[in-house]
N, C-alpha and C. Protein backbone atom coordinates (compact mmCIF):
# COMPACT_ATOMS: atom_id res chain seq x y z
N MET A 1 84.25 22.57 291.07
CA MET A 1 83.75 21.30 290.90
C MET A 1 84.20 20.24 290.18
N SER A 2 84.82 19.06 290.63
CA SER A 2 85.63 18.22 289.84
C SER A 2 84.69 17.53 288.56
N ARG A 3 85.68 16.88 287.82
CA ARG A 3 84.88 16.34 286.65
C ARG A 3 84.04 15.03 287.33
N TYR A 4 82.98 14.78 286.92
CA TYR A 4 81.93 13.75 287.51
C TYR A 4 82.28 12.49 286.86
N THR A 5 82.27 11.46 287.75
CA THR A 5 82.45 9.88 287.41
C THR A 5 81.58 9.14 288.06
N GLY A 6 80.63 9.68 288.71
CA GLY A 6 79.82 8.59 289.36
C GLY A 6 78.54 7.89 288.38
N PRO A 7 77.49 7.48 288.94
CA PRO A 7 76.68 6.80 288.20
C PRO A 7 76.04 7.45 287.17
N LYS A 8 76.00 7.10 285.69
CA LYS A 8 75.71 7.73 284.60
C LYS A 8 74.16 7.77 284.69
N ALA A 9 73.38 6.52 284.91
CA ALA A 9 71.92 6.37 284.78
C ALA A 9 71.26 7.44 285.62
N ARG A 10 71.67 7.61 286.78
CA ARG A 10 71.23 8.60 287.75
C ARG A 10 71.28 9.90 287.10
N ILE A 11 72.16 10.55 286.54
CA ILE A 11 72.33 11.68 285.83
C ILE A 11 71.28 11.83 284.64
N ASN A 12 71.24 10.73 283.88
CA ASN A 12 70.18 10.67 282.71
C ASN A 12 68.78 10.82 283.40
N ARG A 13 68.54 10.14 284.21
CA ARG A 13 67.09 10.37 285.03
C ARG A 13 66.84 11.56 285.69
N ARG A 14 67.89 11.94 286.35
CA ARG A 14 67.93 13.45 286.89
C ARG A 14 67.31 14.54 285.96
N PHE A 15 68.02 14.63 284.73
CA PHE A 15 67.59 15.56 283.75
C PHE A 15 66.75 14.97 282.67
N ASN A 16 66.23 13.71 282.85
CA ASN A 16 65.27 13.19 281.89
C ASN A 16 65.69 13.32 280.60
N CYS A 17 66.96 13.04 280.31
CA CYS A 17 67.85 13.27 279.09
C CYS A 17 68.71 12.33 278.74
N GLU A 18 68.98 11.81 277.66
CA GLU A 18 69.96 10.72 277.40
C GLU A 18 71.52 11.51 277.32
N ILE A 19 71.83 11.90 278.50
CA ILE A 19 73.25 12.53 278.66
C ILE A 19 74.48 11.72 278.15
N PHE A 20 74.43 10.49 278.84
CA PHE A 20 75.27 9.35 278.77
C PHE A 20 74.65 8.38 277.88
N PRO A 21 74.78 8.22 276.43
CA PRO A 21 74.29 7.21 275.76
C PRO A 21 74.65 5.79 276.11
N SER A 22 75.48 5.52 276.78
CA SER A 22 76.27 4.00 276.75
C SER A 22 75.29 3.38 277.88
N CYS A 23 75.01 4.04 278.92
CA CYS A 23 74.05 3.48 280.05
C CYS A 23 72.67 3.21 279.45
N LYS A 24 71.78 2.47 280.48
CA LYS A 24 70.46 2.01 280.25
C LYS A 24 69.56 3.35 279.89
N ALA A 25 68.53 3.15 279.25
CA ALA A 25 67.43 4.08 278.93
C ALA A 25 66.93 5.19 280.14
N VAL A 26 66.65 6.20 279.81
CA VAL A 26 66.24 6.97 280.97
C VAL A 26 64.86 6.54 281.21
N GLU A 27 64.67 6.45 282.48
CA GLU A 27 63.59 5.89 283.18
C GLU A 27 62.95 7.19 284.02
N ARG A 28 61.75 7.50 283.70
CA ARG A 28 61.04 8.59 284.19
C ARG A 28 60.23 8.15 285.23
N LYS A 29 60.45 8.76 286.34
CA LYS A 29 59.45 8.44 287.69
C LYS A 29 59.09 9.89 288.37
N PRO A 30 58.31 9.98 289.18
CA PRO A 30 57.63 11.10 289.56
C PRO A 30 58.69 11.47 290.72
N TYR A 31 59.63 11.21 291.06
CA TYR A 31 60.62 11.59 292.08
C TYR A 31 62.05 11.58 291.66
N PHE A 32 62.88 12.24 292.47
CA PHE A 32 64.29 12.36 291.96
C PHE A 32 64.76 11.22 292.36
N PRO A 33 66.29 10.79 291.69
CA PRO A 33 66.94 9.81 292.30
C PRO A 33 67.57 9.82 293.50
N GLY A 34 68.08 8.86 294.10
CA GLY A 34 68.53 8.99 295.43
C GLY A 34 68.26 8.24 296.51
N ILE A 35 68.89 8.24 297.66
CA ILE A 35 68.65 7.38 298.59
C ILE A 35 67.73 8.03 299.50
N HIS A 36 66.77 8.89 299.43
CA HIS A 36 66.10 9.71 300.50
C HIS A 36 64.54 9.33 300.03
N GLY A 37 64.29 8.41 299.42
CA GLY A 37 62.86 7.82 299.12
C GLY A 37 62.05 8.92 298.34
N PRO A 38 60.90 8.34 297.78
CA PRO A 38 60.13 9.25 296.82
C PRO A 38 59.93 10.60 297.47
N ARG A 39 60.12 11.77 296.55
CA ARG A 39 59.61 12.93 297.00
C ARG A 39 58.98 13.54 295.56
N LEU A 40 58.04 14.29 295.49
CA LEU A 40 57.33 14.75 294.57
C LEU A 40 58.41 15.88 293.81
N ARG A 41 58.28 15.73 292.48
CA ARG A 41 59.16 16.92 291.82
C ARG A 41 58.46 18.26 291.93
N ARG A 42 59.36 19.37 292.23
CA ARG A 42 58.90 20.46 292.61
C ARG A 42 58.98 21.48 291.41
N LYS A 43 58.24 22.45 291.22
CA LYS A 43 58.20 23.38 289.98
C LYS A 43 59.57 24.07 289.91
N VAL A 44 60.31 23.87 288.88
CA VAL A 44 61.63 24.48 288.96
C VAL A 44 61.85 26.10 288.47
N SER A 45 62.30 26.92 288.81
CA SER A 45 62.43 28.23 288.90
C SER A 45 63.43 28.45 287.80
N GLU A 46 63.10 29.78 287.17
CA GLU A 46 63.94 30.15 286.04
C GLU A 46 65.45 29.97 286.14
N TYR A 47 65.95 30.33 287.58
CA TYR A 47 67.39 30.14 287.69
C TYR A 47 67.42 28.59 287.38
N GLY A 48 66.85 27.70 288.09
CA GLY A 48 66.91 26.28 288.06
C GLY A 48 66.79 25.78 286.78
N ILE A 49 66.31 26.25 285.86
CA ILE A 49 66.08 25.92 284.46
C ILE A 49 67.53 26.06 283.92
N GLY A 50 68.00 27.35 283.88
CA GLY A 50 69.24 27.76 283.21
C GLY A 50 70.21 26.74 284.19
N LEU A 51 70.37 26.67 285.37
CA LEU A 51 71.42 25.76 285.81
C LEU A 51 71.34 24.44 285.55
N ASN A 52 70.18 23.88 285.22
CA ASN A 52 70.04 22.55 284.69
C ASN A 52 70.71 22.24 283.34
N GLU A 53 70.23 23.42 282.36
CA GLU A 53 70.72 23.28 281.05
C GLU A 53 72.20 23.40 281.13
N LYS A 54 72.99 23.99 282.00
CA LYS A 54 74.35 24.43 282.07
C LYS A 54 74.90 23.03 282.79
N GLN A 55 74.17 22.30 283.54
CA GLN A 55 74.57 21.26 283.97
C GLN A 55 74.73 19.88 283.22
N LYS A 56 73.77 19.60 282.49
CA LYS A 56 73.50 18.73 281.24
C LYS A 56 74.42 19.01 280.49
N LEU A 57 74.91 20.07 279.84
CA LEU A 57 76.00 20.25 279.00
C LEU A 57 77.32 19.97 279.38
N ARG A 58 77.54 20.38 280.58
CA ARG A 58 78.93 20.08 281.34
C ARG A 58 79.16 18.61 281.67
N TYR A 59 78.08 17.82 281.96
CA TYR A 59 78.08 16.46 282.17
C TYR A 59 78.37 15.91 280.64
N MET A 60 77.78 16.23 279.76
CA MET A 60 77.85 15.73 278.34
C MET A 60 79.27 15.73 277.80
N TYR A 61 80.09 16.64 278.05
CA TYR A 61 81.33 16.96 277.66
C TYR A 61 82.42 16.66 278.49
N GLY A 62 82.04 16.19 279.66
CA GLY A 62 82.92 15.68 280.83
C GLY A 62 84.01 17.04 281.30
N LEU A 63 83.43 18.13 281.50
CA LEU A 63 84.30 19.23 281.90
C LEU A 63 84.10 19.68 283.13
N THR A 64 85.10 20.06 283.80
CA THR A 64 84.93 20.71 285.02
C THR A 64 84.29 21.98 285.02
N GLU A 65 83.96 22.55 286.17
CA GLU A 65 83.20 24.03 286.17
C GLU A 65 84.17 24.92 285.56
N ARG A 66 85.38 24.95 286.11
CA ARG A 66 86.37 26.01 285.76
C ARG A 66 86.59 25.92 284.04
N GLN A 67 86.78 24.68 283.70
CA GLN A 67 86.98 24.59 282.01
C GLN A 67 85.72 25.07 281.28
N PHE A 68 84.49 24.98 281.77
CA PHE A 68 83.45 25.17 281.43
C PHE A 68 83.18 26.61 281.21
N ARG A 69 83.49 27.31 282.32
CA ARG A 69 83.26 28.58 282.28
C ARG A 69 84.32 29.41 281.50
N LEU A 70 85.70 28.80 281.60
CA LEU A 70 86.54 29.51 280.46
C LEU A 70 86.32 29.47 279.00
N THR A 71 85.63 28.35 278.66
CA THR A 71 85.34 28.20 277.36
C THR A 71 84.11 29.08 277.32
N PHE A 72 83.24 29.19 278.05
CA PHE A 72 82.19 30.23 277.87
C PHE A 72 82.79 31.77 277.74
N ASN A 73 83.52 31.96 278.51
CA ASN A 73 84.19 33.36 278.46
C ASN A 73 84.85 33.43 277.27
N LEU A 74 85.64 32.35 276.56
CA LEU A 74 86.26 32.52 275.40
C LEU A 74 85.05 32.88 274.07
N ALA A 75 84.04 32.22 274.35
CA ALA A 75 82.89 32.40 273.22
C ALA A 75 82.44 33.78 273.16
N LYS A 76 82.19 34.30 274.53
CA LYS A 76 81.67 35.48 275.00
C LYS A 76 82.56 36.59 274.50
N SER A 77 83.88 36.60 274.28
CA SER A 77 84.80 37.53 273.78
C SER A 77 84.88 37.55 272.19
N GLU A 78 84.49 36.51 271.72
CA GLU A 78 84.34 36.55 270.00
C GLU A 78 82.90 37.17 269.45
N ARG A 79 83.13 37.82 268.52
CA ARG A 79 82.18 38.45 267.59
C ARG A 79 81.05 37.11 267.20
N GLY A 80 79.96 37.21 267.44
CA GLY A 80 78.86 36.48 266.89
C GLY A 80 77.82 35.96 268.10
N VAL A 81 77.13 34.87 267.71
CA VAL A 81 75.94 34.71 268.72
C VAL A 81 76.54 33.68 269.58
N THR A 82 76.84 34.37 270.82
CA THR A 82 77.51 33.44 271.89
C THR A 82 77.02 32.11 272.12
N SER A 83 75.64 31.88 272.08
CA SER A 83 75.53 30.42 272.60
C SER A 83 76.01 29.28 271.36
N GLU A 84 75.87 29.78 270.02
CA GLU A 84 76.56 29.07 268.87
C GLU A 84 77.86 29.10 268.90
N LEU A 85 78.66 30.13 269.22
CA LEU A 85 80.12 29.91 269.18
C LEU A 85 80.57 29.06 270.66
N PHE A 86 79.99 29.07 271.51
CA PHE A 86 80.27 28.31 272.61
C PHE A 86 80.17 26.70 272.36
N MET A 87 78.66 26.72 271.76
CA MET A 87 78.57 25.15 271.22
C MET A 87 79.34 24.76 270.43
N ARG A 88 80.03 25.66 269.44
CA ARG A 88 81.01 25.21 268.46
C ARG A 88 82.51 25.05 269.09
N LEU A 89 82.62 25.79 270.01
CA LEU A 89 83.86 25.57 270.70
C LEU A 89 84.00 24.20 271.29
N LEU A 90 82.88 23.81 271.99
CA LEU A 90 82.67 22.58 272.54
C LEU A 90 83.03 21.05 271.69
N GLU A 91 82.37 21.27 270.70
CA GLU A 91 82.40 20.36 269.24
C GLU A 91 83.65 20.31 268.78
N MET A 92 84.37 21.41 268.79
CA MET A 92 85.70 21.21 268.14
C MET A 92 86.97 20.74 269.02
N ARG A 93 86.48 20.65 270.18
CA ARG A 93 87.65 20.07 271.14
C ARG A 93 88.26 18.80 270.69
N LEU A 94 89.50 18.39 270.77
CA LEU A 94 89.71 17.02 269.98
C LEU A 94 89.20 15.78 270.85
N ASP A 95 88.70 15.82 272.11
CA ASP A 95 88.03 14.66 272.51
C ASP A 95 86.68 14.45 272.13
N SER A 96 86.12 15.63 271.73
CA SER A 96 84.77 15.54 271.01
C SER A 96 84.81 15.30 269.63
N VAL A 97 85.88 15.88 268.79
CA VAL A 97 85.95 15.15 267.54
C VAL A 97 86.44 13.67 267.20
N VAL A 98 87.08 13.12 268.23
CA VAL A 98 87.54 11.72 268.32
C VAL A 98 86.37 10.95 268.61
N TYR A 99 85.42 11.39 269.43
CA TYR A 99 84.17 10.80 269.77
C TYR A 99 83.03 10.80 268.44
N LEU A 100 83.16 11.93 267.81
CA LEU A 100 82.36 12.01 266.74
C LEU A 100 82.50 11.31 265.62
N LEU A 101 83.80 11.24 265.45
CA LEU A 101 84.64 10.24 264.39
C LEU A 101 84.22 8.70 264.45
N GLY A 102 84.12 8.40 265.83
CA GLY A 102 83.60 7.15 266.04
C GLY A 102 85.17 6.31 266.57
N PHE A 103 86.10 7.07 267.02
CA PHE A 103 87.22 6.28 267.35
C PHE A 103 87.02 5.85 268.68
N ALA A 104 86.10 6.35 269.58
CA ALA A 104 85.95 5.94 270.56
C ALA A 104 84.21 5.86 270.99
N ARG A 105 83.80 5.07 271.85
CA ARG A 105 82.23 4.94 271.87
C ARG A 105 81.64 5.83 272.64
N THR A 106 82.30 6.66 273.77
CA THR A 106 81.68 7.76 274.42
C THR A 106 82.82 8.76 274.62
N ARG A 107 82.32 10.10 274.88
CA ARG A 107 83.26 11.25 275.28
C ARG A 107 84.30 10.83 276.15
N ARG A 108 83.74 10.07 277.20
CA ARG A 108 84.69 9.89 278.34
C ARG A 108 85.92 9.09 277.74
N ALA A 109 85.49 7.87 277.12
CA ALA A 109 86.62 7.13 276.45
C ALA A 109 87.45 7.62 275.48
N ALA A 110 86.82 8.77 274.82
CA ALA A 110 87.82 9.68 273.78
C ALA A 110 88.75 10.42 274.82
N ARG A 111 88.28 11.01 275.52
CA ARG A 111 89.18 11.64 276.54
C ARG A 111 90.30 10.97 276.95
N GLN A 112 89.94 9.70 277.51
CA GLN A 112 91.02 8.79 277.88
C GLN A 112 92.03 8.43 276.58
N LEU A 113 91.43 8.12 275.54
CA LEU A 113 92.19 7.95 274.41
C LEU A 113 93.26 8.83 274.18
N VAL A 114 92.75 10.25 274.13
CA VAL A 114 93.59 11.50 273.73
C VAL A 114 94.73 11.35 274.89
N CYS A 115 94.39 11.35 276.12
CA CYS A 115 95.27 11.34 277.38
C CYS A 115 96.33 10.42 277.54
N HIS A 116 96.24 9.22 276.72
CA HIS A 116 97.10 8.03 276.72
C HIS A 116 97.92 8.25 275.29
N GLY A 117 97.99 9.05 274.60
CA GLY A 117 98.70 9.42 273.46
C GLY A 117 98.29 8.69 272.25
N HIS A 118 97.13 8.09 272.12
CA HIS A 118 96.91 7.32 270.93
C HIS A 118 96.42 8.12 269.65
N ILE A 119 96.11 9.49 269.78
CA ILE A 119 95.64 10.23 268.80
C ILE A 119 96.86 11.07 268.25
N MET A 120 96.52 11.40 266.94
CA MET A 120 97.62 12.31 266.24
C MET A 120 96.56 13.44 265.52
N VAL A 121 96.93 14.74 265.27
CA VAL A 121 96.74 15.66 264.76
C VAL A 121 97.66 16.19 263.80
N ASN A 122 97.42 16.15 262.50
CA ASN A 122 98.24 16.36 261.60
C ASN A 122 99.78 15.74 261.67
N ASN A 123 99.82 14.43 261.93
CA ASN A 123 100.90 13.58 262.05
C ASN A 123 101.61 13.98 263.33
N LEU A 124 101.21 14.66 264.09
CA LEU A 124 101.93 14.97 265.49
C LEU A 124 100.97 14.44 266.67
N LYS A 125 101.48 13.96 267.57
CA LYS A 125 100.76 13.12 268.78
C LYS A 125 100.51 14.32 269.75
N VAL A 126 99.18 14.56 269.92
CA VAL A 126 98.47 15.36 271.01
C VAL A 126 97.87 14.55 271.82
N ASP A 127 98.38 14.91 273.35
CA ASP A 127 97.60 14.20 274.53
C ASP A 127 96.78 15.19 275.40
N ILE A 128 96.47 16.43 274.68
CA ILE A 128 95.65 17.46 275.41
C ILE A 128 94.08 17.39 274.96
N PRO A 129 93.15 16.72 275.65
CA PRO A 129 91.78 16.60 275.20
C PRO A 129 90.90 17.91 274.88
N SER A 130 91.50 19.17 275.58
CA SER A 130 90.86 20.38 275.19
C SER A 130 91.32 21.14 274.03
N TYR A 131 92.51 20.29 273.37
CA TYR A 131 93.06 21.15 271.93
C TYR A 131 91.98 21.09 271.10
N ARG A 132 92.20 22.81 270.61
CA ARG A 132 91.03 23.07 269.89
C ARG A 132 91.55 22.95 268.44
N CYS A 133 90.76 21.98 267.61
CA CYS A 133 90.89 21.64 266.33
C CYS A 133 90.54 22.62 265.32
N SER A 134 91.18 22.75 264.32
CA SER A 134 90.87 24.05 263.45
C SER A 134 90.39 22.85 261.81
N VAL A 135 89.66 23.76 261.14
CA VAL A 135 89.33 23.41 259.83
C VAL A 135 90.62 22.98 259.03
N GLY A 136 90.30 21.94 258.26
CA GLY A 136 91.85 21.37 257.60
C GLY A 136 92.69 20.27 258.64
N ASP A 137 92.57 20.27 259.88
CA ASP A 137 93.18 19.20 260.69
C ASP A 137 92.68 17.92 260.39
N VAL A 138 93.71 17.03 260.33
CA VAL A 138 93.46 15.59 259.93
C VAL A 138 93.95 14.89 261.47
N ILE A 139 92.68 14.18 261.73
CA ILE A 139 93.00 13.44 263.05
C ILE A 139 93.02 11.93 262.81
N GLY A 140 94.34 11.32 263.02
CA GLY A 140 94.81 9.87 262.83
C GLY A 140 95.01 9.51 264.15
N VAL A 141 95.12 7.85 264.06
CA VAL A 141 95.58 7.21 265.02
C VAL A 141 96.85 6.59 264.99
N TYR A 142 97.59 6.88 266.35
CA TYR A 142 98.92 6.38 266.57
C TYR A 142 99.24 4.98 265.98
N SER A 143 100.46 4.80 265.36
CA SER A 143 100.57 3.60 264.46
C SER A 143 100.78 2.40 265.50
N HIS A 144 100.92 2.61 266.88
CA HIS A 144 100.90 1.28 267.99
C HIS A 144 100.06 0.33 267.53
N ASN A 145 100.10 -0.98 267.47
CA ASN A 145 99.26 -1.87 267.46
C ASN A 145 97.90 -1.91 268.35
N SER A 146 98.18 -1.43 269.78
CA SER A 146 97.12 -1.26 270.81
C SER A 146 96.11 -0.07 270.57
N SER A 147 96.90 0.99 269.84
CA SER A 147 95.87 2.05 269.41
C SER A 147 95.11 1.52 268.25
N LYS A 148 95.52 0.94 267.35
CA LYS A 148 94.62 0.49 266.25
C LYS A 148 93.76 -0.37 266.43
N LYS A 149 94.07 -1.28 267.34
CA LYS A 149 92.96 -2.54 267.81
C LYS A 149 91.92 -1.82 268.62
N TYR A 150 92.08 -0.80 269.46
CA TYR A 150 91.20 -0.25 270.08
C TYR A 150 90.21 0.47 269.08
N VAL A 151 90.80 1.33 268.35
CA VAL A 151 89.99 2.01 267.42
C VAL A 151 88.98 1.21 266.27
N THR A 152 89.67 0.28 265.80
CA THR A 152 89.25 -0.72 265.05
C THR A 152 87.79 -1.32 265.58
N GLN A 153 87.71 -1.48 267.14
CA GLN A 153 86.86 -2.20 267.49
C GLN A 153 85.70 -1.09 267.88
N SER A 154 86.10 0.31 268.04
CA SER A 154 85.17 1.25 268.16
C SER A 154 84.24 1.60 267.10
N LEU A 155 85.24 1.76 265.94
CA LEU A 155 84.70 1.99 264.84
C LEU A 155 83.61 1.02 264.26
N ASP A 156 83.70 -0.28 264.69
CA ASP A 156 82.86 -1.37 264.37
C ASP A 156 81.72 -1.22 264.91
N ASP A 157 81.84 -1.19 266.30
CA ASP A 157 80.84 -0.84 267.17
C ASP A 157 79.84 0.71 267.13
N CYS A 158 80.55 1.79 266.39
CA CYS A 158 79.66 2.87 265.89
C CYS A 158 79.59 2.85 264.67
N ARG A 159 79.41 1.74 263.75
CA ARG A 159 79.19 1.92 262.48
C ARG A 159 77.83 2.42 262.08
N TYR A 160 76.77 2.31 262.78
CA TYR A 160 75.61 2.84 262.67
C TYR A 160 75.40 4.26 263.18
N ARG A 161 76.34 4.81 263.67
CA ARG A 161 76.45 6.18 264.24
C ARG A 161 77.06 7.14 263.25
N ALA A 162 76.19 8.14 262.51
CA ALA A 162 76.41 8.68 261.61
C ALA A 162 77.60 9.83 261.84
N VAL A 163 78.76 10.04 260.85
CA VAL A 163 79.82 11.07 261.10
C VAL A 163 79.24 12.24 260.88
N PRO A 164 79.38 13.42 261.55
CA PRO A 164 78.89 14.78 261.23
C PRO A 164 79.14 14.95 259.86
N VAL A 165 78.20 15.93 259.20
CA VAL A 165 78.72 16.28 257.68
C VAL A 165 79.82 17.21 257.63
N TRP A 166 80.11 18.07 258.66
CA TRP A 166 81.38 18.88 258.46
C TRP A 166 82.74 18.18 258.87
N MET A 167 82.41 16.97 258.67
CA MET A 167 83.90 15.92 258.99
C MET A 167 83.97 14.97 257.87
N THR A 168 85.04 14.47 257.31
CA THR A 168 85.27 13.08 256.66
C THR A 168 85.90 12.13 257.32
N LEU A 169 85.47 10.98 257.20
CA LEU A 169 85.93 9.64 257.78
C LEU A 169 86.51 8.68 256.74
N ASP A 170 87.84 8.60 256.92
CA ASP A 170 88.28 7.07 256.06
C ASP A 170 88.69 6.04 257.42
N SER A 171 87.83 5.40 257.33
CA SER A 171 87.61 4.34 258.19
C SER A 171 88.77 3.22 258.02
N ILE A 172 89.36 3.08 256.83
CA ILE A 172 90.29 2.13 256.62
C ILE A 172 91.69 2.56 257.13
N ALA A 173 91.80 3.99 256.88
CA ALA A 173 93.42 4.70 257.21
C ALA A 173 92.80 5.26 258.52
N MET A 174 92.00 4.95 259.28
CA MET A 174 91.59 5.48 260.66
C MET A 174 92.08 6.85 260.52
N LYS A 175 91.39 7.55 259.69
CA LYS A 175 91.79 9.19 259.62
C LYS A 175 90.55 9.85 259.34
N GLY A 176 90.37 11.04 260.27
CA GLY A 176 89.30 11.81 260.01
C GLY A 176 89.73 13.21 259.60
N LYS A 177 89.10 14.01 258.92
CA LYS A 177 89.51 15.52 258.45
C LYS A 177 88.33 16.43 258.52
N ILE A 178 88.65 17.37 259.36
CA ILE A 178 87.48 18.41 259.63
C ILE A 178 87.50 19.44 258.19
N GLU A 179 86.56 19.26 257.69
CA GLU A 179 86.26 20.29 256.42
C GLU A 179 85.76 21.70 256.53
N ARG A 180 85.18 21.71 257.75
CA ARG A 180 84.33 23.12 257.88
C ARG A 180 83.86 23.06 259.24
N GLU A 181 83.86 24.20 260.07
CA GLU A 181 83.08 24.40 261.20
C GLU A 181 81.76 24.14 261.13
N PRO A 182 81.11 23.42 262.11
CA PRO A 182 79.74 23.19 262.29
C PRO A 182 78.74 24.41 262.50
N ILE A 183 77.53 24.44 261.63
CA ILE A 183 76.69 25.54 261.92
C ILE A 183 75.76 25.25 262.96
N ALA A 184 75.03 26.30 263.12
CA ALA A 184 73.91 25.92 263.97
C ALA A 184 73.20 25.00 264.06
N GLU A 185 72.43 24.58 262.92
CA GLU A 185 71.53 23.60 262.79
C GLU A 185 72.50 22.03 262.92
N GLU A 186 73.78 22.07 263.06
CA GLU A 186 74.64 20.87 263.18
C GLU A 186 74.99 20.67 264.68
N LEU A 187 74.65 21.86 265.39
CA LEU A 187 75.40 21.45 266.88
C LEU A 187 74.29 20.65 267.68
N GLU A 188 74.83 20.35 268.80
CA GLU A 188 73.96 19.49 269.69
C GLU A 188 72.52 20.22 269.92
N LYS A 189 71.30 19.12 269.70
CA LYS A 189 70.03 19.52 269.71
C LYS A 189 69.32 19.60 271.02
N LYS A 190 69.75 18.69 272.19
CA LYS A 190 69.43 18.59 273.29
C LYS A 190 69.41 19.66 274.17
N ILE A 191 70.33 20.66 273.93
CA ILE A 191 70.66 21.61 274.64
C ILE A 191 69.99 23.00 274.28
N ASN A 192 69.47 23.78 275.15
CA ASN A 192 69.18 25.35 274.71
C ASN A 192 70.25 26.01 275.14
N GLY A 193 71.32 26.51 274.34
CA GLY A 193 72.42 27.30 274.72
C GLY A 193 71.93 28.51 275.04
N GLN A 194 70.91 29.01 274.47
CA GLN A 194 70.61 30.68 275.18
C GLN A 194 70.26 30.48 276.65
N LEU A 195 69.70 29.61 276.99
CA LEU A 195 69.47 29.60 278.58
C LEU A 195 70.69 29.50 279.45
N ILE A 196 71.84 29.06 278.62
CA ILE A 196 73.15 28.77 279.39
C ILE A 196 73.52 30.53 279.55
N VAL A 197 73.44 31.07 278.49
CA VAL A 197 74.05 32.48 278.18
C VAL A 197 73.46 33.39 279.20
N GLU A 198 72.06 33.20 279.50
CA GLU A 198 70.97 33.91 280.04
C GLU A 198 71.54 33.64 281.48
N PHE A 199 72.00 32.35 282.16
CA PHE A 199 72.32 31.83 283.23
C PHE A 199 73.57 32.61 283.71
N TYR A 200 74.84 32.66 282.99
CA TYR A 200 75.88 33.33 283.35
C TYR A 200 75.81 34.83 283.16
N SER A 201 74.72 35.43 282.47
CA SER A 201 74.33 36.73 282.19
C SER A 201 73.89 37.45 283.66
N ARG A 202 73.49 36.48 284.52
CA ARG A 202 72.69 37.16 285.88
C ARG A 202 73.52 38.02 286.72
């Protein structure tokens, strides 16, 4: 399945969750979105619950099915709680870190910012959104004027969005540092990671 680029409000309404925070608020109706007219919502099976949770997380981070599964397999191969390791791997992706620092207003914009070469890691340009950041990495902005102008605007728009406690941000220098890995309580709370583990364990 390719990366989703369609209407964001429809996905928010489908899952009754603010997956894409930049679009309008979730509007709850007793039927699914689409062109086929009102249909009553049916009871969701256990398989459907796991599938929905997996899809919510995949849409949230903007991954293809293959990328999502590869990340899950990597988490499963490591020692520890798979659901926490999986969520941590997603949060430590470069595009996610750029978004959390406020360098971009959305994760989709953060991915584009990285792909276009506007982001540096430890003073080296990195244009791979899936790059796995490590503790101690310093994420900065390329010295080009267009890069700084965009990030300055994004930081201003995101000034009321708190930076996670496991990172520090110097908004003047446009640099952020990963001080430690996020713990379970600091990971995405909208998603039940254990349901995704059970879904892939079928």
